[in-house]
Amino acid sequence: MDKRKFYVNIESREISELKAGNNDEFVIYGTPNDIIELRECLEDMEHAEMGTFWRSHMPFKEYHRDEDNDAYDACLLKTYKMIYELGDETAKEHIEQMPFFDEFNKIE
């Protein structure tokens, strides 16, 4: 399948073929299946984020012992790994500078 150009903004969880506003945090090239998988990662992040919201109302539960936070972190890493693999040179260079870049080899 042919890869097409997409603009991605992780914060707004936007993936678009049209550049608009600030949706161009990253530029990637992917097949429809790649985009479906990336969208699923972003949706998983949103679900995990909701769990962290509810956990935040329980001050006695520590961050590093919380399954929702672990799930969110795993989704975030997987999302950045996909963007790195599909991204243009600028996206790759940006992600390589992130402190968690070395964690990518631990993700399937």
PDB file of N, CA and C in Angstrom:
ATOM      1  N   MET A   1       0.842  -1.193   0.000  1.00  0.00           N
ATOM      2  CA  MET A   1       0.000   0.000   0.000  1.00  0.00           C
ATOM      3  C   MET A   1       0.878   1.244   0.000  1.00  0.00           C
ATOM      4  N   ASP A   2       0.369   2.274  -0.609  1.00  0.00           N
ATOM      5  CA  ASP A   2       1.089   3.536  -0.644  1.00  0.00           C
ATOM      6  C   ASP A   2       0.938   4.274   0.673  1.00  0.00           C
ATOM      7  N   LYS A   3       2.034   4.893   1.079  1.00  0.00           N
ATOM      8  CA  LYS A   3       2.003   5.700   2.300  1.00  0.00           C
ATOM      9  C   LYS A   3       1.608   7.126   1.936  1.00  0.00           C
ATOM     10  N   ARG A   4       0.823   7.717   2.818  1.00  0.00           N
ATOM     11  CA  ARG A   4       0.393   9.101   2.624  1.00  0.00           C
ATOM     12  C   ARG A   4       0.894   9.946   3.786  1.00  0.00           C
ATOM     13  N   LYS A   5       0.932  11.230   3.568  1.00  0.00           N
ATOM     14  CA  LYS A   5       1.421  12.185   4.572  1.00  0.00           C
ATOM     15  C   LYS A   5       0.292  12.554   5.526  1.00  0.00           C
ATOM     16  N   PHE A   6       0.644  12.540   6.843  1.00  0.00           N
ATOM     17  CA  PHE A   6      -0.313  12.922   7.876  1.00  0.00           C
ATOM     18  C   PHE A   6       0.366  13.859   8.868  1.00  0.00           C
ATOM     19  N   TYR A   7      -0.442  14.701   9.471  1.00  0.00           N
ATOM     20  CA  TYR A   7       0.010  15.603  10.531  1.00  0.00           C
ATOM     21  C   TYR A   7      -0.551  15.064  11.841  1.00  0.00           C
ATOM     22  N   VAL A   8       0.295  15.026  12.868  1.00  0.00           N
ATOM     23  CA  VAL A   8      -0.107  14.447  14.147  1.00  0.00           C
ATOM     24  C   VAL A   8       0.172  15.425  15.275  1.00  0.00           C
ATOM     25  N   ASN A   9      -0.791  15.562  16.180  1.00  0.00           N
ATOM     26  CA  ASN A   9      -0.615  16.314  17.409  1.00  0.00           C
ATOM     27  C   ASN A   9      -1.022  15.384  18.546  1.00  0.00           C
ATOM     28  N   ILE A  10      -0.066  15.020  19.372  1.00  0.00           N
ATOM     29  CA  ILE A  10      -0.340  14.064  20.447  1.00  0.00           C
ATOM     30  C   ILE A  10      -1.257  14.674  21.504  1.00  0.00           C
ATOM     31  N   GLU A  11      -1.016  15.909  21.865  1.00  0.00           N
ATOM     32  CA  GLU A  11      -1.810  16.530  22.935  1.00  0.00           C
ATOM     33  C   GLU A  11      -3.300  16.561  22.586  1.00  0.00           C
ATOM     34  N   SER A  12      -3.620  16.944  21.350  1.00  0.00           N
ATOM     35  CA  SER A  12      -5.029  16.992  20.947  1.00  0.00           C
ATOM     36  C   SER A  12      -5.505  15.661  20.368  1.00  0.00           C
ATOM     37  N   ARG A  13      -4.569  14.707  20.243  1.00  0.00           N
ATOM     38  CA  ARG A  13      -4.845  13.376  19.689  1.00  0.00           C
ATOM     39  C   ARG A  13      -5.407  13.471  18.273  1.00  0.00           C
ATOM     40  N   GLU A  14      -4.827  14.347  17.511  1.00  0.00           N
ATOM     41  CA  GLU A  14      -5.298  14.588  16.154  1.00  0.00           C
ATOM     42  C   GLU A  14      -4.356  13.970  15.135  1.00  0.00           C
ATOM     43  N   ILE A  15      -4.948  13.311  14.141  1.00  0.00           N
ATOM     44  CA  ILE A  15      -4.239  12.796  12.984  1.00  0.00           C
ATOM     45  C   ILE A  15      -5.012  13.300  11.770  1.00  0.00           C
ATOM     46  N   SER A  16      -4.338  14.037  10.894  1.00  0.00           N
ATOM     47  CA  SER A  16      -5.045  14.637   9.772  1.00  0.00           C
ATOM     48  C   SER A  16      -4.163  14.687   8.529  1.00  0.00           C
ATOM     49  N   GLU A  17      -4.789  14.574   7.380  1.00  0.00           N
ATOM     50  CA  GLU A  17      -4.068  14.760   6.126  1.00  0.00           C
ATOM     51  C   GLU A  17      -3.968  16.239   5.768  1.00  0.00           C
ATOM     52  N   LEU A  18      -4.743  17.056   6.447  1.00  0.00           N
ATOM     53  CA  LEU A  18      -4.735  18.494   6.192  1.00  0.00           C
ATOM     54  C   LEU A  18      -4.055  19.220   7.333  1.00  0.00           C
ATOM     55  N   LYS A  19      -3.141  20.098   6.993  1.00  0.00           N
ATOM     56  CA  LYS A  19      -2.479  20.919   8.012  1.00  0.00           C
ATOM     57  C   LYS A  19      -3.413  22.064   8.386  1.00  0.00           C
ATOM     58  N   ALA A  20      -3.702  22.138   9.681  1.00  0.00           N
ATOM     59  CA  ALA A  20      -4.601  23.191  10.155  1.00  0.00           C
ATOM     60  C   ALA A  20      -4.247  23.507  11.597  1.00  0.00           C
ATOM     61  N   GLY A  21      -4.139  24.777  11.895  1.00  0.00           N
ATOM     62  CA  GLY A  21      -3.833  25.182  13.259  1.00  0.00           C
ATOM     63  C   GLY A  21      -2.497  24.629  13.703  1.00  0.00           C
ATOM     64  N   ASN A  22      -2.496  23.966  14.850  1.00  0.00           N
ATOM     65  CA  ASN A  22      -1.245  23.415  15.392  1.00  0.00           C
ATOM     66  C   ASN A  22      -1.226  21.889  15.341  1.00  0.00           C
ATOM     67  N   ASN A  23      -1.866  21.312  14.321  1.00  0.00           N
ATOM     68  CA  ASN A  23      -1.917  19.862  14.249  1.00  0.00           C
ATOM     69  C   ASN A  23      -0.653  19.249  13.644  1.00  0.00           C
ATOM     70  N   ASP A  24       0.367  20.053  13.403  1.00  0.00           N
ATOM     71  CA  ASP A  24       1.570  19.546  12.735  1.00  0.00           C
ATOM     72  C   ASP A  24       2.753  19.387  13.693  1.00  0.00           C
ATOM     73  N   GLU A  25       2.477  18.935  14.908  1.00  0.00           N
ATOM     74  CA  GLU A  25       3.553  18.674  15.865  1.00  0.00           C
ATOM     75  C   GLU A  25       4.544  17.684  15.244  1.00  0.00           C
ATOM     76  N   PHE A  26       3.998  16.660  14.547  1.00  0.00           N
ATOM     77  CA  PHE A  26       4.821  15.681  13.858  1.00  0.00           C
ATOM     78  C   PHE A  26       4.248  15.431  12.468  1.00  0.00           C
ATOM     79  N   VAL A  27       5.122  15.148  11.514  1.00  0.00           N
ATOM     80  CA  VAL A  27       4.716  14.748  10.174  1.00  0.00           C
ATOM     81  C   VAL A  27       5.113  13.287  10.013  1.00  0.00           C
ATOM     82  N   ILE A  28       4.142  12.463   9.612  1.00  0.00           N
ATOM     83  CA  ILE A  28       4.401  11.044   9.429  1.00  0.00           C
ATOM     84  C   ILE A  28       3.925  10.620   8.034  1.00  0.00           C
ATOM     85  N   TYR A  29       4.384   9.455   7.623  1.00  0.00           N
ATOM     86  CA  TYR A  29       3.959   8.855   6.364  1.00  0.00           C
ATOM     87  C   TYR A  29       3.508   7.436   6.677  1.00  0.00           C
ATOM     88  N   GLY A  30       2.222   7.157   6.432  1.00  0.00           N
ATOM     89  CA  GLY A  30       1.712   5.850   6.800  1.00  0.00           C
ATOM     90  C   GLY A  30       0.634   5.348   5.870  1.00  0.00           C
ATOM     91  N   THR A  31       0.422   4.047   5.961  1.00  0.00           N
ATOM     92  CA  THR A  31      -0.665   3.394   5.244  1.00  0.00           C
ATOM     93  C   THR A  31      -1.941   3.551   6.070  1.00  0.00           C
ATOM     94  N   PRO A  32      -3.091   3.249   5.485  1.00  0.00           N
ATOM     95  CA  PRO A  32      -4.324   3.293   6.285  1.00  0.00           C
ATOM     96  C   PRO A  32      -4.237   2.410   7.539  1.00  0.00           C
ATOM     97  N   ASN A  33      -3.615   1.247   7.431  1.00  0.00           N
ATOM     98  CA  ASN A  33      -3.470   0.375   8.597  1.00  0.00           C
ATOM     99  C   ASN A  33      -2.578   0.995   9.662  1.00  0.00           C
ATOM    100  N   ASP A  34      -1.502   1.677   9.246  1.00  0.00           N
ATOM    101  CA  ASP A  34      -0.643   2.382  10.202  1.00  0.00           C
ATOM    102  C   ASP A  34      -1.438   3.426  10.967  1.00  0.00           C
ATOM    103  N   ILE A  35      -2.262   4.162  10.249  1.00  0.00           N
ATOM    104  CA  ILE A  35      -3.033   5.245  10.873  1.00  0.00           C
ATOM    105  C   ILE A  35      -4.080   4.674  11.824  1.00  0.00           C
ATOM    106  N   ILE A  36      -4.694   3.567  11.454  1.00  0.00           N
ATOM    107  CA  ILE A  36      -5.658   2.915  12.352  1.00  0.00           C
ATOM    108  C   ILE A  36      -4.956   2.503  13.643  1.00  0.00           C
ATOM    109  N   GLU A  37      -3.775   1.916  13.519  1.00  0.00           N
ATOM    110  CA  GLU A  37      -3.030   1.487  14.712  1.00  0.00           C
ATOM    111  C   GLU A  37      -2.616   2.677  15.572  1.00  0.00           C
ATOM    112  N   LEU A  38      -2.176   3.759  14.942  1.00  0.00           N
ATOM    113  CA  LEU A  38      -1.801   4.960  15.691  1.00  0.00           C
ATOM    114  C   LEU A  38      -3.018   5.559  16.384  1.00  0.00           C
ATOM    115  N   ARG A  39      -4.148   5.592  15.693  1.00  0.00           N
ATOM    116  CA  ARG A  39      -5.370   6.132  16.300  1.00  0.00           C
ATOM    117  C   ARG A  39      -5.776   5.286  17.508  1.00  0.00           C
ATOM    118  N   GLU A  40      -5.614   3.963  17.411  1.00  0.00           N
ATOM    119  CA  GLU A  40      -5.921   3.091  18.543  1.00  0.00           C
ATOM    120  C   GLU A  40      -5.005   3.396  19.728  1.00  0.00           C
ATOM    121  N   CYS A  41      -3.735   3.681  19.454  1.00  0.00           N
ATOM    122  CA  CYS A  41      -2.809   4.064  20.531  1.00  0.00           C
ATOM    123  C   CYS A  41      -3.284   5.337  21.218  1.00  0.00           C
ATOM    124  N   LEU A  42      -3.688   6.313  20.419  1.00  0.00           N
ATOM    125  CA  LEU A  42      -4.156   7.581  20.983  1.00  0.00           C
ATOM    126  C   LEU A  42      -5.435   7.382  21.800  1.00  0.00           C
ATOM    127  N   GLU A  43      -6.321   6.506  21.324  1.00  0.00           N
ATOM    128  CA  GLU A  43      -7.543   6.218  22.082  1.00  0.00           C
ATOM    129  C   GLU A  43      -7.221   5.482  23.383  1.00  0.00           C
ATOM    130  N   ASP A  44      -6.261   4.563  23.330  1.00  0.00           N
ATOM    131  CA  ASP A  44      -5.841   3.871  24.555  1.00  0.00           C
ATOM    132  C   ASP A  44      -5.276   4.865  25.568  1.00  0.00           C
ATOM    133  N   MET A  45      -4.535   5.854  25.082  1.00  0.00           N
ATOM    134  CA  MET A  45      -4.006   6.902  25.970  1.00  0.00           C
ATOM    135  C   MET A  45      -5.143   7.643  26.645  1.00  0.00           C
ATOM    136  N   GLU A  46      -6.180   7.947  25.866  1.00  0.00           N
ATOM    137  CA  GLU A  46      -7.312   8.692  26.421  1.00  0.00           C
ATOM    138  C   GLU A  46      -8.015   7.885  27.516  1.00  0.00           C
ATOM    139  N   HIS A  47      -8.194   6.585  27.286  1.00  0.00           N
ATOM    140  CA  HIS A  47      -8.837   5.746  28.301  1.00  0.00           C
ATOM    141  C   HIS A  47      -7.970   5.650  29.557  1.00  0.00           C
ATOM    142  N   ALA A  48      -6.677   5.475  29.365  1.00  0.00           N
ATOM    143  CA  ALA A  48      -5.768   5.394  30.509  1.00  0.00           C
ATOM    144  C   ALA A  48      -5.734   6.724  31.260  1.00  0.00           C
ATOM    145  N   GLU A  49      -5.810   7.812  30.514  1.00  0.00           N
ATOM    146  CA  GLU A  49      -5.799   9.133  31.137  1.00  0.00           C
ATOM    147  C   GLU A  49      -7.016   9.322  32.040  1.00  0.00           C
ATOM    148  N   MET A  50      -8.155   8.802  31.613  1.00  0.00           N
ATOM    149  CA  MET A  50      -9.359   8.909  32.442  1.00  0.00           C
ATOM    150  C   MET A  50      -9.152   8.154  33.757  1.00  0.00           C
ATOM    151  N   GLY A  51      -8.497   7.001  33.686  1.00  0.00           N
ATOM    152  CA  GLY A  51      -8.200   6.250  34.908  1.00  0.00           C
ATOM    153  C   GLY A  51      -7.280   7.021  35.830  1.00  0.00           C
ATOM    154  N   THR A  52      -6.301   7.720  35.270  1.00  0.00           N
ATOM    155  CA  THR A  52      -5.390   8.503  36.104  1.00  0.00           C
ATOM    156  C   THR A  52      -6.122   9.681  36.743  1.00  0.00           C
ATOM    157  N   PHE A  53      -7.123  10.196  36.044  1.00  0.00           N
ATOM    158  CA  PHE A  53      -7.924  11.291  36.599  1.00  0.00           C
ATOM    159  C   PHE A  53      -8.623  10.826  37.879  1.00  0.00           C
ATOM    160  N   TRP A  54      -9.250   9.645  37.812  1.00  0.00           N
ATOM    161  CA  TRP A  54      -9.951   9.145  38.991  1.00  0.00           C
ATOM    162  C   TRP A  54      -8.973   8.799  40.103  1.00  0.00           C
ATOM    163  N   ARG A  55      -7.801   8.283  39.742  1.00  0.00           N
ATOM    164  CA  ARG A  55      -6.800   7.956  40.744  1.00  0.00           C
ATOM    165  C   ARG A  55      -6.299   9.208  41.446  1.00  0.00           C
ATOM    166  N   SER A  56      -6.254  10.305  40.738  1.00  0.00           N
ATOM    167  CA  SER A  56      -5.737  11.539  41.340  1.00  0.00           C
ATOM    168  C   SER A  56      -6.584  12.008  42.520  1.00  0.00           C
ATOM    169  N   HIS A  57      -7.779  11.487  42.624  1.00  0.00           N
ATOM    170  CA  HIS A  57      -8.647  11.841  43.747  1.00  0.00           C
ATOM    171  C   HIS A  57      -8.401  10.965  44.972  1.00  0.00           C
ATOM    172  N   MET A  58      -7.420  10.079  44.862  1.00  0.00           N
ATOM    173  CA  MET A  58      -7.045   9.224  45.987  1.00  0.00           C
ATOM    174  C   MET A  58      -5.590   9.535  46.339  1.00  0.00           C
ATOM    175  N   PRO A  59      -5.364  10.518  47.175  1.00  0.00           N
ATOM    176  CA  PRO A  59      -3.992  10.972  47.435  1.00  0.00           C
ATOM    177  C   PRO A  59      -3.091   9.945  48.097  1.00  0.00           C
ATOM    178  N   PHE A  60      -3.649   8.907  48.643  1.00  0.00           N
ATOM    179  CA  PHE A  60      -2.831   7.905  49.324  1.00  0.00           C
ATOM    180  C   PHE A  60      -2.209   6.896  48.357  1.00  0.00           C
ATOM    181  N   LYS A  61      -2.622   6.904  47.110  1.00  0.00           N
ATOM    182  CA  LYS A  61      -2.078   5.954  46.137  1.00  0.00           C
ATOM    183  C   LYS A  61      -0.917   6.604  45.395  1.00  0.00           C
ATOM    184  N   GLU A  62       0.247   5.990  45.474  1.00  0.00           N
ATOM    185  CA  GLU A  62       1.456   6.559  44.890  1.00  0.00           C
ATOM    186  C   GLU A  62       1.478   6.341  43.379  1.00  0.00           C
ATOM    187  N   TYR A  63       2.066   7.313  42.676  1.00  0.00           N
ATOM    188  CA  TYR A  63       2.126   7.276  41.213  1.00  0.00           C
ATOM    189  C   TYR A  63       2.804   6.004  40.708  1.00  0.00           C
ATOM    190  N   HIS A  64       3.916   5.653  41.302  1.00  0.00           N
ATOM    191  CA  HIS A  64       4.690   4.529  40.802  1.00  0.00           C
ATOM    192  C   HIS A  64       4.090   3.167  41.161  1.00  0.00           C
ATOM    193  N   ARG A  65       2.975   3.183  41.868  1.00  0.00           N
ATOM    194  CA  ARG A  65       2.288   1.934  42.201  1.00  0.00           C
ATOM    195  C   ARG A  65       0.849   1.967  41.697  1.00  0.00           C
ATOM    196  N   ASP A  66       0.689   2.543  40.537  1.00  0.00           N
ATOM    197  CA  ASP A  66      -0.653   2.722  40.002  1.00  0.00           C
ATOM    198  C   ASP A  66      -0.734   2.152  38.584  1.00  0.00           C
ATOM    199  N   GLU A  67      -1.642   1.228  38.374  1.00  0.00           N
ATOM    200  CA  GLU A  67      -1.778   0.554  37.090  1.00  0.00           C
ATOM    201  C   GLU A  67      -2.208   1.510  35.986  1.00  0.00           C
ATOM    202  N   ASP A  68      -3.076   2.470  36.309  1.00  0.00           N
ATOM    203  CA  ASP A  68      -3.535   3.418  35.293  1.00  0.00           C
ATOM    204  C   ASP A  68      -2.385   4.287  34.788  1.00  0.00           C
ATOM    205  N   ASN A  69      -1.530   4.709  35.697  1.00  0.00           N
ATOM    206  CA  ASN A  69      -0.374   5.493  35.274  1.00  0.00           C
ATOM    207  C   ASN A  69       0.574   4.656  34.423  1.00  0.00           C
ATOM    208  N   ASP A  70       0.753   3.403  34.797  1.00  0.00           N
ATOM    209  CA  ASP A  70       1.594   2.505  34.010  1.00  0.00           C
ATOM    210  C   ASP A  70       1.015   2.322  32.608  1.00  0.00           C
ATOM    211  N   ALA A  71      -0.302   2.169  32.531  1.00  0.00           N
ATOM    212  CA  ALA A  71      -0.963   1.999  31.229  1.00  0.00           C
ATOM    213  C   ALA A  71      -0.804   3.254  30.373  1.00  0.00           C
ATOM    214  N   TYR A  72      -0.977   4.419  30.997  1.00  0.00           N
ATOM    215  CA  TYR A  72      -0.823   5.673  30.258  1.00  0.00           C
ATOM    216  C   TYR A  72       0.608   5.807  29.738  1.00  0.00           C
ATOM    217  N   ASP A  73       1.578   5.540  30.599  1.00  0.00           N
ATOM    218  CA  ASP A  73       2.979   5.645  30.191  1.00  0.00           C
ATOM    219  C   ASP A  73       3.296   4.693  29.044  1.00  0.00           C
ATOM    220  N   ALA A  74       2.767   3.466  29.121  1.00  0.00           N
ATOM    221  CA  ALA A  74       3.008   2.477  28.062  1.00  0.00           C
ATOM    222  C   ALA A  74       2.378   2.928  26.748  1.00  0.00           C
ATOM    223  N   CYS A  75       1.171   3.477  26.808  1.00  0.00           N
ATOM    224  CA  CYS A  75       0.505   3.974  25.594  1.00  0.00           C
ATOM    225  C   CYS A  75       1.280   5.151  24.998  1.00  0.00           C
ATOM    226  N   LEU A  76       1.750   6.029  25.855  1.00  0.00           N
ATOM    227  CA  LEU A  76       2.509   7.189  25.384  1.00  0.00           C
ATOM    228  C   LEU A  76       3.796   6.746  24.692  1.00  0.00           C
ATOM    229  N   LEU A  77       4.507   5.808  25.299  1.00  0.00           N
ATOM    230  CA  LEU A  77       5.732   5.296  24.685  1.00  0.00           C
ATOM    231  C   LEU A  77       5.441   4.624  23.349  1.00  0.00           C
ATOM    232  N   LYS A  78       4.393   3.824  23.299  1.00  0.00           N
ATOM    233  CA  LYS A  78       4.048   3.143  22.047  1.00  0.00           C
ATOM    234  C   LYS A  78       3.684   4.156  20.962  1.00  0.00           C
ATOM    235  N   THR A  79       2.974   5.207  21.341  1.00  0.00           N
ATOM    236  CA  THR A  79       2.595   6.246  20.387  1.00  0.00           C
ATOM    237  C   THR A  79       3.830   6.948  19.834  1.00  0.00           C
ATOM    238  N   TYR A  80       4.738   7.344  20.715  1.00  0.00           N
ATOM    239  CA  TYR A  80       5.965   8.002  20.253  1.00  0.00           C
ATOM    240  C   TYR A  80       6.820   7.060  19.406  1.00  0.00           C
ATOM    241  N   LYS A  81       6.839   5.782  19.745  1.00  0.00           N
ATOM    242  CA  LYS A  81       7.608   4.826  18.947  1.00  0.00           C
ATOM    243  C   LYS A  81       7.031   4.735  17.541  1.00  0.00           C
ATOM    244  N   MET A  82       5.703   4.666  17.434  1.00  0.00           N
ATOM    245  CA  MET A  82       5.074   4.619  16.110  1.00  0.00           C
ATOM    246  C   MET A  82       5.364   5.877  15.318  1.00  0.00           C
ATOM    247  N   ILE A  83       5.270   7.028  15.974  1.00  0.00           N
ATOM    248  CA  ILE A  83       5.546   8.287  15.281  1.00  0.00           C
ATOM    249  C   ILE A  83       7.000   8.315  14.828  1.00  0.00           C
ATOM    250  N   TYR A  84       7.890   7.804  15.663  1.00  0.00           N
ATOM    251  CA  TYR A  84       9.305   7.743  15.285  1.00  0.00           C
ATOM    252  C   TYR A  84       9.490   6.866  14.045  1.00  0.00           C
ATOM    253  N   GLU A  85       8.852   5.714  14.030  1.00  0.00           N
ATOM    254  CA  GLU A  85       9.005   4.785  12.911  1.00  0.00           C
ATOM    255  C   GLU A  85       8.392   5.322  11.619  1.00  0.00           C
ATOM    256  N   LEU A  86       7.292   6.071  11.726  1.00  0.00           N
ATOM    257  CA  LEU A  86       6.598   6.584  10.547  1.00  0.00           C
ATOM    258  C   LEU A  86       6.990   8.017  10.195  1.00  0.00           C
ATOM    259  N   GLY A  87       7.686   8.678  11.109  1.00  0.00           N
ATOM    260  CA  GLY A  87       7.927  10.108  10.981  1.00  0.00           C
ATOM    261  C   GLY A  87       8.966  10.506   9.956  1.00  0.00           C
ATOM    262  N   ASP A  88       8.909  11.790   9.595  1.00  0.00           N
ATOM    263  CA  ASP A  88       9.937  12.353   8.727  1.00  0.00           C
ATOM    264  C   ASP A  88      11.206  12.588   9.553  1.00  0.00           C
ATOM    265  N   GLU A  89      12.244  13.081   8.931  1.00  0.00           N
ATOM    266  CA  GLU A  89      13.525  13.273   9.622  1.00  0.00           C
ATOM    267  C   GLU A  89      13.395  14.214  10.817  1.00  0.00           C
ATOM    268  N   THR A  90      12.596  15.264  10.676  1.00  0.00           N
ATOM    269  CA  THR A  90      12.411  16.214  11.777  1.00  0.00           C
ATOM    270  C   THR A  90      11.768  15.521  12.975  1.00  0.00           C
ATOM    271  N   ALA A  91      10.771  14.693  12.727  1.00  0.00           N
ATOM    272  CA  ALA A  91      10.112  13.956  13.815  1.00  0.00           C
ATOM    273  C   ALA A  91      11.098  13.016  14.491  1.00  0.00           C
ATOM    274  N   LYS A  92      11.873  12.301  13.685  1.00  0.00           N
ATOM    275  CA  LYS A  92      12.851  11.359  14.244  1.00  0.00           C
ATOM    276  C   LYS A  92      13.884  12.084  15.101  1.00  0.00           C
ATOM    277  N   GLU A  93      14.401  13.187  14.600  1.00  0.00           N
ATOM    278  CA  GLU A  93      15.412  13.945  15.349  1.00  0.00           C
ATOM    279  C   GLU A  93      14.840  14.461  16.663  1.00  0.00           C
ATOM    280  N   HIS A  94      13.617  14.945  16.629  1.00  0.00           N
ATOM    281  CA  HIS A  94      12.975  15.469  17.836  1.00  0.00           C
ATOM    282  C   HIS A  94      12.797  14.361  18.877  1.00  0.00           C
ATOM    283  N   ILE A  95      12.290  13.228  18.449  1.00  0.00           N
ATOM    284  CA  ILE A  95      12.020  12.125  19.374  1.00  0.00           C
ATOM    285  C   ILE A  95      13.315  11.534  19.916  1.00  0.00           C
ATOM    286  N   GLU A  96      14.369  11.510  19.107  1.00  0.00           N
ATOM    287  CA  GLU A  96      15.659  10.996  19.574  1.00  0.00           C
ATOM    288  C   GLU A  96      16.211  11.803  20.740  1.00  0.00           C
ATOM    289  N   GLN A  97      15.793  13.043  20.879  1.00  0.00           N
ATOM    290  CA  GLN A  97      16.259  13.912  21.960  1.00  0.00           C
ATOM    291  C   GLN A  97      15.457  13.737  23.250  1.00  0.00           C
ATOM    292  N   MET A  98      14.379  12.995  23.193  1.00  0.00           N
ATOM    293  CA  MET A  98      13.530  12.816  24.374  1.00  0.00           C
ATOM    294  C   MET A  98      14.190  11.835  25.349  1.00  0.00           C
ATOM    295  N   PRO A  99      14.022  12.072  26.647  1.00  0.00           N
ATOM    296  CA  PRO A  99      14.717  11.253  27.646  1.00  0.00           C
ATOM    297  C   PRO A  99      14.303   9.780  27.648  1.00  0.00           C
ATOM    298  N   PHE A 100      13.147   9.464  27.130  1.00  0.00           N
ATOM    299  CA  PHE A 100      12.674   8.085  27.150  1.00  0.00           C
ATOM    300  C   PHE A 100      12.954   7.339  25.846  1.00  0.00           C
ATOM    301  N   PHE A 101      13.706   7.942  24.943  1.00  0.00           N
ATOM    302  CA  PHE A 101      13.974   7.321  23.639  1.00  0.00           C
ATOM    303  C   PHE A 101      14.586   5.934  23.785  1.00  0.00           C
ATOM    304  N   ASP A 102      15.467   5.744  24.733  1.00  0.00           N
ATOM    305  CA  ASP A 102      16.129   4.450  24.923  1.00  0.00           C
ATOM    306  C   ASP A 102      15.161   3.355  25.390  1.00  0.00           C
ATOM    307  N   GLU A 103      13.985   3.744  25.827  1.00  0.00           N
ATOM    308  CA  GLU A 103      12.981   2.765  26.270  1.00  0.00           C
ATOM    309  C   GLU A 103      12.285   2.085  25.092  1.00  0.00           C
ATOM    310  N   PHE A 104      12.424   2.620  23.878  1.00  0.00           N
ATOM    311  CA  PHE A 104      11.715   2.066  22.719  1.00  0.00           C
ATOM    312  C   PHE A 104      12.064   0.612  22.452  1.00  0.00           C
ATOM    313  N   ASN A 105      13.309   0.217  22.722  1.00  0.00           N
ATOM    314  CA  ASN A 105      13.705  -1.162  22.436  1.00  0.00           C
ATOM    315  C   ASN A 105      13.024  -2.167  23.369  1.00  0.00           C
ATOM    316  N   LYS A 106      12.359  -1.682  24.410  1.00  0.00           N
ATOM    317  CA  LYS A 106      11.658  -2.559  25.352  1.00  0.00           C
ATOM    318  C   LYS A 106      10.190  -2.760  24.949  1.00  0.00           C
ATOM    319  N   ILE A 107       9.760  -2.034  23.914  1.00  0.00           N
ATOM    320  CA  ILE A 107       8.374  -2.087  23.463  1.00  0.00           C
ATOM    321  C   ILE A 107       8.290  -3.010  22.261  1.00  0.00           C
ATOM    322  N   GLU A 108       7.263  -3.846  22.253  1.00  0.00           N
ATOM    323  CA  GLU A 108       7.100  -4.754  21.122  1.00  0.00           C
ATOM    324  C   GLU A 108       6.609  -4.075  19.891  1.00  0.00           C
TER     325      GLU A 108
END
